[in-house]
Every structure is written in structure tokens, then in C-alpha cells.
Amino acid sequence: MESYETLMATLALTMGASWASGVNLYAVLLVLGLGSATGNIILPNELVVLSNPWIIGASAIMYLVEFIADKIPGFDNLWDAIHTFVRIPAGAILAAGAVGDVSTGMEIAAGILGGGAAATSHATKAGTRMMINTSPEPVTNWTASVGEDFLVLGGLWTALNHPLIFLGLFAIFIGLAIWLLPKLWRLIKSLSQKFSRFTRPGQPAAFSIDNRKK
């Protein structure tokens, strides 16, 4: 029974850390680092390094930077694009570290799953933000940003304290993401094409009238 509970707790931490990294990596590093440093979170030996004061300080600074950048419509899309190359690899690394001292094969497998989870949550966030930014007002952008921060904190808390509940919610998220992402992609692609035609100068009319007599 204890081994089953340990397995579920490890799996929840693995998926929770990687999933949350795809939304807000620096919040994840800050929460895990502070929790480990204060003794409120017991991390695997491979992740104890997150409690290093330098890492906590760097994570706090970057969290504040992202907190501001994430609330500027348009700039948040650029920020997300850049962090495609940060959040996904970091999610894979955190997942590999969360499984603890296991075989190399299991670490690689965890990294693959973690990278996939981070990529899914990152793509969902970035695509949703692009849709939100089609609205000129900033309120929905700010609301989404704050909501994402609470989602990350709530998700990590659930993963650490109620692993089975988190894993159930995570499975629901994956199902919703599989359904939603293709629709977001088609809608974003359609809006991008319309915007490109609108801003491209010197385009001929989309239709013509032939007045020649039959």
C-alpha cells in the first residue's frame, strides 16, 4: 500500500511540475524552492538544488518579470514564443528529477512524458492568449494572467497533497487540450490570414465583374 501511494505521489509530482512549467515555469521553481527550503515540501534529492538561495532569488526575479510581461497584450505573445525554448526543456528536466534515483531509462521516459506535458500546457496557454489578444481591451488579458498564476499554485498544491485528485484532473486537461488545440490552431491561422490580407497594400479586389456582352 505504501509503495502504491509513493508511486502515485511521485507520478503526481512528475506530471504536476512539468504541466505547471508549461504555464509559468518561474512560479514552479519558486514554489518548489521555497517549499523545500522551509521544510514544507519534501523533494527528491535530484530536485533539492531548487532550495539553493541563488536559484530561489533568480526564480523570484524572473517571476516578477514574467508577472509584468504576461499582462501586456501582444508582448505576452512574444514572451510565450521565446519561452517555447525554455518551458518545455525545463518541464522535461523537472520531470526527470522528480522520479528520484531510478534507472537511466526511467529518467529518460519521465523526461519525455514531462516534456510532452509541458508542451501541451504551453501550447494551450499560448494559443488561448493569442485568441484573447484579438480583443483590444486589456482586462481579459490581465484576468487570464492572474488566473493562470492561481491555476499553477492550485495545481501544484493538489499534486503535492492529493495526488490521485490531481492525476484525475490532469487526465481531463489532456483530453480537453487534444480537443481544443486543433480548433485554436485553425482559428488563429484564419485570423492571421485575414489580418495579412488586410494589411497588405496594393492587393487587387477579391472579385471582378465581366461586363463583356455574351
N, C-alpha and C. Protein backbone atom coordinates (compact mmCIF):
# COMPACT_ATOMS: atom_id res chain seq x y z
N MET A 1 0.83 -1.21 0.00
CA MET A 1 0.00 0.00 0.00
C MET A 1 0.87 1.26 0.00
N GLU A 2 1.91 1.21 0.83
CA GLU A 2 2.81 2.37 0.89
C GLU A 2 3.52 2.61 -0.42
N SER A 3 3.93 1.53 -1.08
CA SER A 3 4.61 1.68 -2.36
C SER A 3 3.67 2.25 -3.41
N TYR A 4 2.38 1.86 -3.36
CA TYR A 4 1.40 2.41 -4.31
C TYR A 4 1.22 3.90 -4.07
N GLU A 5 1.10 4.30 -2.81
CA GLU A 5 0.94 5.72 -2.50
C GLU A 5 2.18 6.51 -2.91
N THR A 6 3.35 5.92 -2.70
CA THR A 6 4.59 6.59 -3.11
C THR A 6 4.65 6.75 -4.62
N LEU A 7 4.22 5.70 -5.34
CA LEU A 7 4.21 5.77 -6.79
C LEU A 7 3.28 6.86 -7.29
N MET A 8 2.08 6.94 -6.70
CA MET A 8 1.12 7.96 -7.12
C MET A 8 1.63 9.37 -6.79
N ALA A 9 2.26 9.51 -5.62
CA ALA A 9 2.81 10.82 -5.24
C ALA A 9 3.93 11.24 -6.19
N THR A 10 4.78 10.29 -6.55
CA THR A 10 5.87 10.58 -7.48
C THR A 10 5.33 10.94 -8.86
N LEU A 11 4.34 10.18 -9.32
CA LEU A 11 3.75 10.45 -10.63
C LEU A 11 3.06 11.81 -10.65
N ALA A 12 2.37 12.15 -9.56
CA ALA A 12 1.69 13.44 -9.49
C ALA A 12 2.69 14.59 -9.49
N LEU A 13 3.79 14.44 -8.73
CA LEU A 13 4.81 15.48 -8.72
C LEU A 13 5.46 15.61 -10.09
N THR A 14 5.71 14.47 -10.74
CA THR A 14 6.34 14.48 -12.06
C THR A 14 5.48 15.22 -13.07
N MET A 15 4.22 14.84 -13.16
CA MET A 15 3.31 15.47 -14.12
C MET A 15 2.93 16.88 -13.69
N GLY A 16 2.79 17.09 -12.37
CA GLY A 16 2.41 18.41 -11.89
C GLY A 16 3.46 19.46 -12.16
N ALA A 17 4.72 19.13 -11.86
CA ALA A 17 5.80 20.09 -12.09
C ALA A 17 5.98 20.41 -13.56
N SER A 18 5.89 19.38 -14.41
CA SER A 18 6.09 19.60 -15.85
C SER A 18 4.91 20.33 -16.46
N TRP A 19 3.69 19.94 -16.08
CA TRP A 19 2.49 20.64 -16.58
C TRP A 19 2.52 22.11 -16.19
N ALA A 20 2.79 22.39 -14.92
CA ALA A 20 2.80 23.77 -14.45
C ALA A 20 3.93 24.58 -15.09
N SER A 21 5.05 23.92 -15.41
CA SER A 21 6.16 24.62 -16.06
C SER A 21 5.76 25.17 -17.43
N GLY A 22 4.86 24.48 -18.10
CA GLY A 22 4.41 24.96 -19.39
C GLY A 22 3.56 26.21 -19.31
N VAL A 23 3.04 26.48 -18.11
CA VAL A 23 2.21 27.68 -17.90
C VAL A 23 3.05 28.81 -17.31
N ASN A 24 3.75 28.54 -16.22
CA ASN A 24 4.59 29.56 -15.58
C ASN A 24 5.76 28.86 -14.88
N LEU A 25 6.84 28.70 -15.59
CA LEU A 25 8.00 27.97 -15.09
C LEU A 25 8.56 28.59 -13.82
N TYR A 26 8.68 29.92 -13.79
CA TYR A 26 9.34 30.57 -12.67
C TYR A 26 8.51 30.46 -11.39
N ALA A 27 7.20 30.43 -11.51
CA ALA A 27 6.36 30.21 -10.34
C ALA A 27 6.59 28.81 -9.78
N VAL A 28 6.75 27.84 -10.65
CA VAL A 28 7.01 26.46 -10.22
C VAL A 28 8.33 26.38 -9.47
N LEU A 29 9.38 26.94 -10.05
CA LEU A 29 10.70 26.89 -9.41
C LEU A 29 10.67 27.61 -8.06
N LEU A 30 9.95 28.72 -8.00
CA LEU A 30 9.89 29.49 -6.76
C LEU A 30 9.13 28.73 -5.68
N VAL A 31 7.99 28.15 -6.04
CA VAL A 31 7.19 27.41 -5.06
C VAL A 31 7.94 26.19 -4.54
N LEU A 32 8.50 25.41 -5.44
CA LEU A 32 9.23 24.20 -5.02
C LEU A 32 10.49 24.56 -4.23
N GLY A 33 11.18 25.60 -4.68
CA GLY A 33 12.40 26.00 -3.97
C GLY A 33 12.11 26.51 -2.57
N LEU A 34 11.14 27.41 -2.43
CA LEU A 34 10.80 27.94 -1.11
C LEU A 34 10.22 26.84 -0.22
N GLY A 35 9.38 25.98 -0.81
CA GLY A 35 8.79 24.90 -0.03
C GLY A 35 9.85 23.95 0.51
N SER A 36 10.84 23.64 -0.31
CA SER A 36 11.91 22.75 0.12
C SER A 36 12.80 23.42 1.17
N ALA A 37 13.11 24.71 0.97
CA ALA A 37 13.97 25.43 1.89
C ALA A 37 13.35 25.57 3.27
N THR A 38 12.02 25.70 3.33
CA THR A 38 11.33 25.87 4.61
C THR A 38 10.88 24.55 5.22
N GLY A 39 11.11 23.45 4.50
CA GLY A 39 10.73 22.15 5.02
C GLY A 39 9.28 21.78 4.81
N ASN A 40 8.54 22.60 4.05
CA ASN A 40 7.12 22.31 3.81
C ASN A 40 6.90 21.35 2.64
N ILE A 41 7.91 21.20 1.80
CA ILE A 41 7.83 20.27 0.67
C ILE A 41 9.06 19.38 0.69
N ILE A 42 8.84 18.09 0.63
CA ILE A 42 9.95 17.13 0.58
C ILE A 42 10.18 16.76 -0.89
N LEU A 43 11.29 17.21 -1.43
CA LEU A 43 11.61 16.96 -2.82
C LEU A 43 12.59 15.79 -2.94
N PRO A 44 12.58 15.10 -4.08
CA PRO A 44 13.63 14.09 -4.33
C PRO A 44 15.01 14.75 -4.31
N ASN A 45 16.03 13.97 -4.02
CA ASN A 45 17.38 14.51 -3.92
C ASN A 45 17.80 15.27 -5.18
N GLU A 46 17.30 14.79 -6.34
CA GLU A 46 17.68 15.42 -7.61
C GLU A 46 17.11 16.83 -7.76
N LEU A 47 16.07 17.16 -6.97
CA LEU A 47 15.46 18.49 -7.08
C LEU A 47 15.72 19.38 -5.87
N VAL A 48 16.45 18.86 -4.87
CA VAL A 48 16.75 19.65 -3.67
C VAL A 48 17.55 20.90 -4.02
N VAL A 49 18.27 20.86 -5.14
CA VAL A 49 19.06 22.02 -5.56
C VAL A 49 18.19 23.25 -5.76
N LEU A 50 16.88 23.05 -5.98
CA LEU A 50 15.98 24.19 -6.16
C LEU A 50 15.87 25.05 -4.91
N SER A 51 16.26 24.50 -3.75
CA SER A 51 16.20 25.26 -2.50
C SER A 51 17.42 26.15 -2.30
N ASN A 52 18.37 26.10 -3.23
CA ASN A 52 19.55 26.97 -3.17
C ASN A 52 19.10 28.44 -3.21
N PRO A 53 19.59 29.28 -2.30
CA PRO A 53 19.17 30.69 -2.26
C PRO A 53 19.36 31.43 -3.58
N TRP A 54 20.43 31.10 -4.32
CA TRP A 54 20.66 31.76 -5.59
C TRP A 54 19.57 31.40 -6.60
N ILE A 55 19.17 30.13 -6.61
CA ILE A 55 18.11 29.70 -7.54
C ILE A 55 16.78 30.31 -7.13
N ILE A 56 16.50 30.35 -5.82
CA ILE A 56 15.26 30.97 -5.35
C ILE A 56 15.23 32.45 -5.73
N GLY A 57 16.37 33.14 -5.54
CA GLY A 57 16.43 34.56 -5.88
C GLY A 57 16.24 34.81 -7.36
N ALA A 58 16.92 34.01 -8.20
CA ALA A 58 16.78 34.16 -9.65
C ALA A 58 15.35 33.86 -10.09
N SER A 59 14.75 32.83 -9.50
CA SER A 59 13.37 32.48 -9.84
C SER A 59 12.41 33.59 -9.45
N ALA A 60 12.64 34.21 -8.29
CA ALA A 60 11.78 35.30 -7.83
C ALA A 60 11.86 36.50 -8.78
N ILE A 61 13.07 36.84 -9.19
CA ILE A 61 13.25 37.96 -10.12
C ILE A 61 12.55 37.69 -11.45
N MET A 62 12.77 36.48 -12.00
CA MET A 62 12.16 36.15 -13.28
C MET A 62 10.63 36.02 -13.17
N TYR A 63 10.16 35.59 -12.00
CA TYR A 63 8.71 35.54 -11.81
C TYR A 63 8.12 36.95 -11.86
N LEU A 64 8.79 37.92 -11.22
CA LEU A 64 8.30 39.30 -11.26
C LEU A 64 8.34 39.86 -12.68
N VAL A 65 9.40 39.54 -13.42
CA VAL A 65 9.50 39.99 -14.81
C VAL A 65 8.35 39.41 -15.63
N GLU A 66 8.11 38.10 -15.46
CA GLU A 66 7.03 37.47 -16.22
C GLU A 66 5.67 37.99 -15.76
N PHE A 67 5.52 38.29 -14.48
CA PHE A 67 4.26 38.81 -13.95
C PHE A 67 3.86 40.08 -14.68
N ILE A 68 4.86 40.92 -14.98
CA ILE A 68 4.59 42.17 -15.70
C ILE A 68 4.44 41.90 -17.20
N ALA A 69 5.38 41.17 -17.78
CA ALA A 69 5.36 40.92 -19.23
C ALA A 69 4.09 40.18 -19.65
N ASP A 70 3.59 39.32 -18.79
CA ASP A 70 2.45 38.49 -19.12
C ASP A 70 1.15 39.27 -19.18
N LYS A 71 1.19 40.53 -18.75
CA LYS A 71 -0.04 41.33 -18.70
C LYS A 71 -0.04 42.44 -19.74
N ILE A 72 0.92 42.42 -20.64
CA ILE A 72 0.98 43.41 -21.72
C ILE A 72 0.50 42.75 -23.00
N PRO A 73 -0.70 43.10 -23.48
CA PRO A 73 -1.23 42.47 -24.69
C PRO A 73 -0.27 42.59 -25.86
N GLY A 74 -0.04 41.51 -26.56
CA GLY A 74 0.89 41.50 -27.68
C GLY A 74 2.28 41.08 -27.24
N PHE A 75 2.81 41.76 -26.24
CA PHE A 75 4.14 41.39 -25.74
C PHE A 75 4.10 40.02 -25.08
N ASP A 76 2.95 39.68 -24.47
CA ASP A 76 2.86 38.37 -23.84
C ASP A 76 2.95 37.25 -24.88
N ASN A 77 2.49 37.51 -26.12
CA ASN A 77 2.62 36.51 -27.17
C ASN A 77 4.09 36.31 -27.54
N LEU A 78 4.85 37.41 -27.61
CA LEU A 78 6.29 37.31 -27.89
C LEU A 78 7.00 36.58 -26.74
N TRP A 79 6.61 36.89 -25.53
CA TRP A 79 7.19 36.23 -24.35
C TRP A 79 6.94 34.72 -24.40
N ASP A 80 5.71 34.35 -24.74
CA ASP A 80 5.38 32.92 -24.85
C ASP A 80 6.19 32.25 -25.96
N ALA A 81 6.35 32.96 -27.09
CA ALA A 81 7.10 32.38 -28.20
C ALA A 81 8.55 32.11 -27.80
N ILE A 82 9.16 33.06 -27.11
CA ILE A 82 10.54 32.89 -26.66
C ILE A 82 10.63 31.73 -25.67
N HIS A 83 9.65 31.65 -24.78
CA HIS A 83 9.71 30.64 -23.72
C HIS A 83 9.30 29.25 -24.19
N THR A 84 8.97 29.12 -25.46
CA THR A 84 8.80 27.77 -26.01
C THR A 84 10.08 26.98 -25.84
N PHE A 85 11.22 27.67 -25.95
CA PHE A 85 12.53 27.03 -25.86
C PHE A 85 13.04 26.95 -24.42
N VAL A 86 12.23 27.41 -23.47
CA VAL A 86 12.63 27.38 -22.06
C VAL A 86 11.72 26.47 -21.25
N ARG A 87 10.41 26.67 -21.38
CA ARG A 87 9.46 25.93 -20.54
C ARG A 87 9.45 24.44 -20.82
N ILE A 88 9.49 24.08 -22.10
CA ILE A 88 9.39 22.65 -22.45
C ILE A 88 10.61 21.87 -21.99
N PRO A 89 11.84 22.32 -22.31
CA PRO A 89 13.02 21.58 -21.78
C PRO A 89 13.05 21.57 -20.26
N ALA A 90 12.66 22.69 -19.62
CA ALA A 90 12.66 22.73 -18.16
C ALA A 90 11.64 21.74 -17.59
N GLY A 91 10.49 21.64 -18.24
CA GLY A 91 9.49 20.67 -17.80
C GLY A 91 10.01 19.25 -17.88
N ALA A 92 10.75 18.96 -18.94
CA ALA A 92 11.35 17.63 -19.08
C ALA A 92 12.38 17.36 -18.00
N ILE A 93 13.21 18.36 -17.69
CA ILE A 93 14.25 18.21 -16.67
C ILE A 93 13.62 18.01 -15.29
N LEU A 94 12.59 18.81 -14.98
CA LEU A 94 11.93 18.67 -13.68
C LEU A 94 11.27 17.30 -13.55
N ALA A 95 10.67 16.82 -14.62
CA ALA A 95 10.03 15.51 -14.58
C ALA A 95 11.06 14.41 -14.36
N ALA A 96 12.20 14.51 -15.03
CA ALA A 96 13.26 13.51 -14.85
C ALA A 96 13.80 13.53 -13.43
N GLY A 97 13.90 14.72 -12.85
CA GLY A 97 14.39 14.83 -11.48
C GLY A 97 13.37 14.38 -10.46
N ALA A 98 12.08 14.55 -10.77
CA ALA A 98 11.02 14.23 -9.80
C ALA A 98 10.89 12.74 -9.55
N VAL A 99 11.31 11.90 -10.50
CA VAL A 99 11.16 10.46 -10.30
C VAL A 99 12.21 9.91 -9.33
N GLY A 100 13.19 10.74 -8.97
CA GLY A 100 14.16 10.31 -7.97
C GLY A 100 15.27 9.46 -8.55
N ASP A 101 15.88 8.68 -7.67
CA ASP A 101 17.03 7.85 -8.02
C ASP A 101 16.55 6.54 -8.65
N VAL A 102 16.39 6.56 -9.97
CA VAL A 102 15.91 5.39 -10.69
C VAL A 102 16.87 5.10 -11.84
N SER A 103 16.52 4.13 -12.65
CA SER A 103 17.38 3.79 -13.78
C SER A 103 17.37 4.91 -14.82
N THR A 104 18.41 4.91 -15.64
CA THR A 104 18.51 5.93 -16.69
C THR A 104 17.33 5.86 -17.65
N GLY A 105 16.90 4.66 -17.94
CA GLY A 105 15.76 4.50 -18.84
C GLY A 105 14.50 5.14 -18.30
N MET A 106 14.25 4.98 -16.99
CA MET A 106 13.06 5.57 -16.38
C MET A 106 13.17 7.09 -16.34
N GLU A 107 14.38 7.61 -16.11
CA GLU A 107 14.57 9.06 -16.13
C GLU A 107 14.28 9.63 -17.51
N ILE A 108 14.77 8.95 -18.54
CA ILE A 108 14.52 9.42 -19.91
C ILE A 108 13.04 9.35 -20.24
N ALA A 109 12.39 8.26 -19.83
CA ALA A 109 10.95 8.13 -20.06
C ALA A 109 10.18 9.24 -19.36
N ALA A 110 10.56 9.53 -18.10
CA ALA A 110 9.91 10.61 -17.36
C ALA A 110 10.14 11.96 -18.04
N GLY A 111 11.36 12.15 -18.55
CA GLY A 111 11.66 13.40 -19.25
C GLY A 111 10.82 13.56 -20.51
N ILE A 112 10.62 12.47 -21.23
CA ILE A 112 9.80 12.53 -22.45
C ILE A 112 8.36 12.88 -22.09
N LEU A 113 7.82 12.20 -21.07
CA LEU A 113 6.44 12.48 -20.64
C LEU A 113 6.31 13.90 -20.10
N GLY A 114 7.32 14.32 -19.32
CA GLY A 114 7.29 15.67 -18.78
C GLY A 114 7.38 16.74 -19.85
N GLY A 115 8.25 16.51 -20.83
CA GLY A 115 8.35 17.45 -21.94
C GLY A 115 7.04 17.54 -22.72
N GLY A 116 6.39 16.39 -22.90
CA GLY A 116 5.10 16.39 -23.59
C GLY A 116 4.03 17.13 -22.81
N ALA A 117 4.01 16.95 -21.48
CA ALA A 117 3.04 17.65 -20.64
C ALA A 117 3.28 19.15 -20.67
N ALA A 118 4.55 19.56 -20.57
CA ALA A 118 4.89 20.98 -20.62
C ALA A 118 4.54 21.59 -21.97
N ALA A 119 4.81 20.84 -23.04
CA ALA A 119 4.49 21.34 -24.38
C ALA A 119 2.98 21.52 -24.56
N THR A 120 2.20 20.59 -24.01
CA THR A 120 0.75 20.67 -24.15
C THR A 120 0.19 21.87 -23.40
N SER A 121 0.62 22.05 -22.14
CA SER A 121 0.11 23.18 -21.37
C SER A 121 0.62 24.51 -21.94
N HIS A 122 1.86 24.53 -22.42
CA HIS A 122 2.40 25.76 -23.03
C HIS A 122 1.63 26.12 -24.30
N ALA A 123 1.38 25.14 -25.15
CA ALA A 123 0.66 25.41 -26.39
C ALA A 123 -0.77 25.86 -26.10
N THR A 124 -1.40 25.27 -25.10
CA THR A 124 -2.76 25.68 -24.73
C THR A 124 -2.78 27.11 -24.23
N LYS A 125 -1.81 27.45 -23.37
CA LYS A 125 -1.74 28.81 -22.86
C LYS A 125 -1.46 29.81 -23.98
N ALA A 126 -0.44 29.53 -24.80
CA ALA A 126 -0.06 30.47 -25.87
C ALA A 126 -1.18 30.66 -26.87
N GLY A 127 -1.85 29.56 -27.26
CA GLY A 127 -2.94 29.68 -28.22
C GLY A 127 -4.12 30.44 -27.66
N THR A 128 -4.45 30.19 -26.39
CA THR A 128 -5.55 30.91 -25.76
C THR A 128 -5.24 32.39 -25.64
N ARG A 129 -4.00 32.71 -25.30
CA ARG A 129 -3.60 34.12 -25.18
C ARG A 129 -3.68 34.84 -26.53
N MET A 130 -3.31 34.17 -27.60
CA MET A 130 -3.41 34.79 -28.92
C MET A 130 -4.85 35.11 -29.25
N MET A 131 -5.76 34.22 -28.88
CA MET A 131 -7.18 34.48 -29.12
C MET A 131 -7.68 35.64 -28.26
N ILE A 132 -7.27 35.66 -26.99
CA ILE A 132 -7.70 36.74 -26.10
C ILE A 132 -7.22 38.08 -26.60
N ASN A 133 -6.01 38.12 -27.18
CA ASN A 133 -5.44 39.39 -27.62
C ASN A 133 -6.07 39.93 -28.90
N THR A 134 -7.01 39.18 -29.49
CA THR A 134 -7.76 39.76 -30.61
C THR A 134 -8.73 40.83 -30.12
N SER A 135 -8.98 40.83 -28.81
CA SER A 135 -9.81 41.87 -28.20
C SER A 135 -8.92 43.04 -27.82
N PRO A 136 -9.31 44.30 -28.15
CA PRO A 136 -8.44 45.45 -27.90
C PRO A 136 -8.30 45.81 -26.43
N GLU A 137 -9.26 45.41 -25.59
CA GLU A 137 -9.18 45.82 -24.18
C GLU A 137 -8.26 44.87 -23.40
N PRO A 138 -7.59 45.40 -22.37
CA PRO A 138 -6.59 44.60 -21.65
C PRO A 138 -7.14 43.78 -20.48
N VAL A 139 -8.41 43.99 -20.13
CA VAL A 139 -8.94 43.39 -18.90
C VAL A 139 -8.91 41.87 -18.98
N THR A 140 -9.33 41.32 -20.13
CA THR A 140 -9.35 39.86 -20.25
C THR A 140 -7.94 39.28 -20.19
N ASN A 141 -6.97 40.03 -20.71
CA ASN A 141 -5.58 39.59 -20.67
C ASN A 141 -5.09 39.52 -19.22
N TRP A 142 -5.36 40.57 -18.45
CA TRP A 142 -4.94 40.58 -17.05
C TRP A 142 -5.64 39.47 -16.26
N THR A 143 -6.94 39.31 -16.52
CA THR A 143 -7.69 38.27 -15.82
C THR A 143 -7.13 36.89 -16.11
N ALA A 144 -6.80 36.64 -17.40
CA ALA A 144 -6.23 35.34 -17.78
C ALA A 144 -4.88 35.13 -17.11
N SER A 145 -4.05 36.17 -17.05
CA SER A 145 -2.72 36.05 -16.46
C SER A 145 -2.80 35.72 -14.98
N VAL A 146 -3.64 36.45 -14.25
CA VAL A 146 -3.80 36.18 -12.82
C VAL A 146 -4.40 34.79 -12.60
N GLY A 147 -5.37 34.43 -13.45
CA GLY A 147 -5.99 33.12 -13.34
C GLY A 147 -4.98 32.00 -13.56
N GLU A 148 -4.05 32.20 -14.49
CA GLU A 148 -3.01 31.19 -14.74
C GLU A 148 -2.10 31.02 -13.53
N ASP A 149 -1.77 32.14 -12.85
CA ASP A 149 -0.93 32.04 -11.66
C ASP A 149 -1.62 31.22 -10.57
N PHE A 150 -2.89 31.49 -10.36
CA PHE A 150 -3.65 30.73 -9.36
C PHE A 150 -3.79 29.27 -9.78
N LEU A 151 -3.92 29.05 -11.09
CA LEU A 151 -4.04 27.68 -11.59
C LEU A 151 -2.77 26.89 -11.30
N VAL A 152 -1.62 27.52 -11.51
CA VAL A 152 -0.34 26.86 -11.24
C VAL A 152 -0.20 26.55 -9.75
N LEU A 153 -0.49 27.54 -8.90
CA LEU A 153 -0.37 27.34 -7.46
C LEU A 153 -1.34 26.25 -6.97
N GLY A 154 -2.58 26.32 -7.45
CA GLY A 154 -3.57 25.33 -7.06
C GLY A 154 -3.22 23.94 -7.57
N GLY A 155 -2.70 23.88 -8.80
CA GLY A 155 -2.32 22.59 -9.37
C GLY A 155 -1.17 21.94 -8.61
N LEU A 156 -0.16 22.75 -8.26
CA LEU A 156 0.97 22.21 -7.51
C LEU A 156 0.54 21.75 -6.12
N TRP A 157 -0.31 22.55 -5.46
CA TRP A 157 -0.78 22.18 -4.13
C TRP A 157 -1.55 20.85 -4.18
N THR A 158 -2.40 20.72 -5.20
CA THR A 158 -3.17 19.49 -5.35
C THR A 158 -2.26 18.30 -5.64
N ALA A 159 -1.28 18.50 -6.51
CA ALA A 159 -0.35 17.42 -6.85
C ALA A 159 0.42 16.94 -5.63
N LEU A 160 0.79 17.88 -4.75
CA LEU A 160 1.59 17.53 -3.58
C LEU A 160 0.75 16.95 -2.45
N ASN A 161 -0.49 17.37 -2.34
CA ASN A 161 -1.31 16.96 -1.20
C ASN A 161 -2.39 15.94 -1.55
N HIS A 162 -2.85 15.93 -2.78
CA HIS A 162 -3.90 14.99 -3.20
C HIS A 162 -3.54 14.44 -4.58
N PRO A 163 -2.55 13.55 -4.63
CA PRO A 163 -2.03 13.07 -5.92
C PRO A 163 -3.10 12.46 -6.83
N LEU A 164 -3.98 11.65 -6.29
CA LEU A 164 -4.99 10.98 -7.13
C LEU A 164 -5.96 11.99 -7.74
N ILE A 165 -6.34 12.99 -6.96
CA ILE A 165 -7.23 14.03 -7.49
C ILE A 165 -6.53 14.78 -8.61
N PHE A 166 -5.26 15.12 -8.38
CA PHE A 166 -4.53 15.83 -9.43
C PHE A 166 -4.42 15.01 -10.70
N LEU A 167 -4.09 13.74 -10.57
CA LEU A 167 -3.93 12.89 -11.75
C LEU A 167 -5.24 12.77 -12.52
N GLY A 168 -6.36 12.73 -11.81
CA GLY A 168 -7.66 12.72 -12.49
C GLY A 168 -7.90 14.02 -13.25
N LEU A 169 -7.61 15.14 -12.60
CA LEU A 169 -7.77 16.44 -13.26
C LEU A 169 -6.79 16.60 -14.43
N PHE A 170 -5.61 16.05 -14.26
CA PHE A 170 -4.61 16.12 -15.33
C PHE A 170 -5.09 15.35 -16.56
N ALA A 171 -5.69 14.19 -16.34
CA ALA A 171 -6.22 13.40 -17.45
C ALA A 171 -7.33 14.17 -18.18
N ILE A 172 -8.17 14.87 -17.40
CA ILE A 172 -9.23 15.68 -18.02
C ILE A 172 -8.61 16.81 -18.84
N PHE A 173 -7.57 17.44 -18.29
CA PHE A 173 -6.89 18.52 -19.03
C PHE A 173 -6.33 18.04 -20.36
N ILE A 174 -5.69 16.87 -20.35
CA ILE A 174 -5.11 16.33 -21.58
C ILE A 174 -6.21 16.09 -22.62
N GLY A 175 -7.33 15.54 -22.16
CA GLY A 175 -8.44 15.31 -23.08
C GLY A 175 -8.98 16.60 -23.67
N LEU A 176 -9.14 17.63 -22.82
CA LEU A 176 -9.62 18.92 -23.30
C LEU A 176 -8.62 19.57 -24.25
N ALA A 177 -7.32 19.44 -23.94
CA ALA A 177 -6.28 20.03 -24.79
C ALA A 177 -6.28 19.37 -26.17
N ILE A 178 -6.43 18.05 -26.22
CA ILE A 178 -6.48 17.35 -27.50
C ILE A 178 -7.66 17.82 -28.33
N TRP A 179 -8.77 18.10 -27.68
CA TRP A 179 -9.96 18.60 -28.39
C TRP A 179 -9.82 20.06 -28.79
N LEU A 180 -9.19 20.87 -27.91
CA LEU A 180 -9.17 22.32 -28.11
C LEU A 180 -8.07 22.80 -29.04
N LEU A 181 -6.87 22.23 -28.95
CA LEU A 181 -5.73 22.77 -29.68
C LEU A 181 -5.93 22.83 -31.19
N PRO A 182 -6.46 21.79 -31.84
CA PRO A 182 -6.68 21.90 -33.29
C PRO A 182 -7.64 23.04 -33.65
N LYS A 183 -8.65 23.26 -32.82
CA LYS A 183 -9.61 24.34 -33.08
C LYS A 183 -8.95 25.70 -32.90
N LEU A 184 -8.13 25.84 -31.85
CA LEU A 184 -7.40 27.09 -31.66
C LEU A 184 -6.46 27.36 -32.83
N TRP A 185 -5.78 26.33 -33.29
CA TRP A 185 -4.83 26.49 -34.39
C TRP A 185 -5.54 26.94 -35.66
N ARG A 186 -6.67 26.31 -35.98
CA ARG A 186 -7.41 26.71 -37.20
C ARG A 186 -7.92 28.13 -37.09
N LEU A 187 -8.41 28.51 -35.91
CA LEU A 187 -8.95 29.85 -35.74
C LEU A 187 -7.85 30.90 -35.81
N ILE A 188 -6.72 30.63 -35.16
CA ILE A 188 -5.59 31.56 -35.20
C ILE A 188 -5.05 31.69 -36.62
N LYS A 189 -4.97 30.58 -37.34
CA LYS A 189 -4.48 30.60 -38.72
C LYS A 189 -5.42 31.42 -39.60
N SER A 190 -6.73 31.26 -39.40
CA SER A 190 -7.71 32.02 -40.18
C SER A 190 -7.60 33.52 -39.90
N LEU A 191 -7.47 33.87 -38.60
CA LEU A 191 -7.35 35.29 -38.25
C LEU A 191 -6.05 35.88 -38.78
N SER A 192 -4.97 35.11 -38.76
CA SER A 192 -3.69 35.60 -39.28
C SER A 192 -3.77 35.86 -40.77
N GLN A 193 -4.45 34.99 -41.51
CA GLN A 193 -4.60 35.17 -42.95
C GLN A 193 -5.43 36.41 -43.25
N LYS A 194 -6.51 36.62 -42.50
CA LYS A 194 -7.35 37.80 -42.71
C LYS A 194 -6.58 39.07 -42.40
N PHE A 195 -5.80 39.04 -41.31
CA PHE A 195 -5.01 40.21 -40.94
C PHE A 195 -3.95 40.50 -41.99
N SER A 196 -3.34 39.45 -42.54
CA SER A 196 -2.32 39.63 -43.56
C SER A 196 -2.90 40.25 -44.83
N ARG A 197 -4.08 39.81 -45.23
CA ARG A 197 -4.72 40.39 -46.42
C ARG A 197 -5.12 41.83 -46.19
N PHE A 198 -5.55 42.12 -44.96
CA PHE A 198 -6.00 43.48 -44.64
C PHE A 198 -4.85 44.48 -44.65
N THR A 199 -3.68 44.04 -44.16
CA THR A 199 -2.54 44.95 -44.04
C THR A 199 -1.64 44.97 -45.26
N ARG A 200 -1.86 44.07 -46.22
CA ARG A 200 -1.00 44.02 -47.39
C ARG A 200 -1.49 45.05 -48.41
N PRO A 201 -0.66 46.05 -48.73
CA PRO A 201 -1.09 47.11 -49.64
C PRO A 201 -1.11 46.64 -51.10
N GLY A 202 -1.95 47.34 -51.89
CA GLY A 202 -1.93 47.12 -53.33
C GLY A 202 -2.52 45.81 -53.78
N GLN A 203 -3.37 45.20 -52.95
CA GLN A 203 -3.97 43.94 -53.35
C GLN A 203 -5.16 44.19 -54.27
N PRO A 204 -5.33 43.40 -55.31
CA PRO A 204 -6.48 43.57 -56.19
C PRO A 204 -7.75 43.13 -55.48
N ALA A 205 -8.85 43.54 -55.98
CA ALA A 205 -10.14 43.16 -55.39
C ALA A 205 -10.30 41.66 -55.44
N ALA A 206 -11.05 41.16 -54.50
CA ALA A 206 -11.23 39.72 -54.40
C ALA A 206 -12.19 39.18 -55.45
N PHE A 207 -12.85 40.09 -56.20
CA PHE A 207 -13.78 39.62 -57.22
C PHE A 207 -13.73 40.60 -58.39
N SER A 208 -14.21 40.18 -59.52
CA SER A 208 -14.27 41.06 -60.69
C SER A 208 -15.57 40.84 -61.41
N ILE A 209 -15.99 41.85 -62.17
CA ILE A 209 -17.24 41.78 -62.93
C ILE A 209 -16.92 41.88 -64.39
N ASP A 210 -17.34 40.91 -65.13
CA ASP A 210 -17.09 40.89 -66.57
C ASP A 210 -18.31 41.51 -67.26
N ASN A 211 -18.11 42.71 -67.83
CA ASN A 211 -19.22 43.41 -68.47
C ASN A 211 -19.30 43.14 -69.96
N ARG A 212 -18.44 42.23 -70.44
CA ARG A 212 -18.49 41.95 -71.86
C ARG A 212 -19.80 41.29 -72.22
N LYS A 213 -20.34 41.67 -73.38
CA LYS A 213 -21.59 41.12 -73.84
C LYS A 213 -21.36 39.70 -74.35
N LYS A 214 -22.29 38.88 -74.05
CA LYS A 214 -22.22 37.49 -74.50
C LYS A 214 -22.39 37.46 -76.01
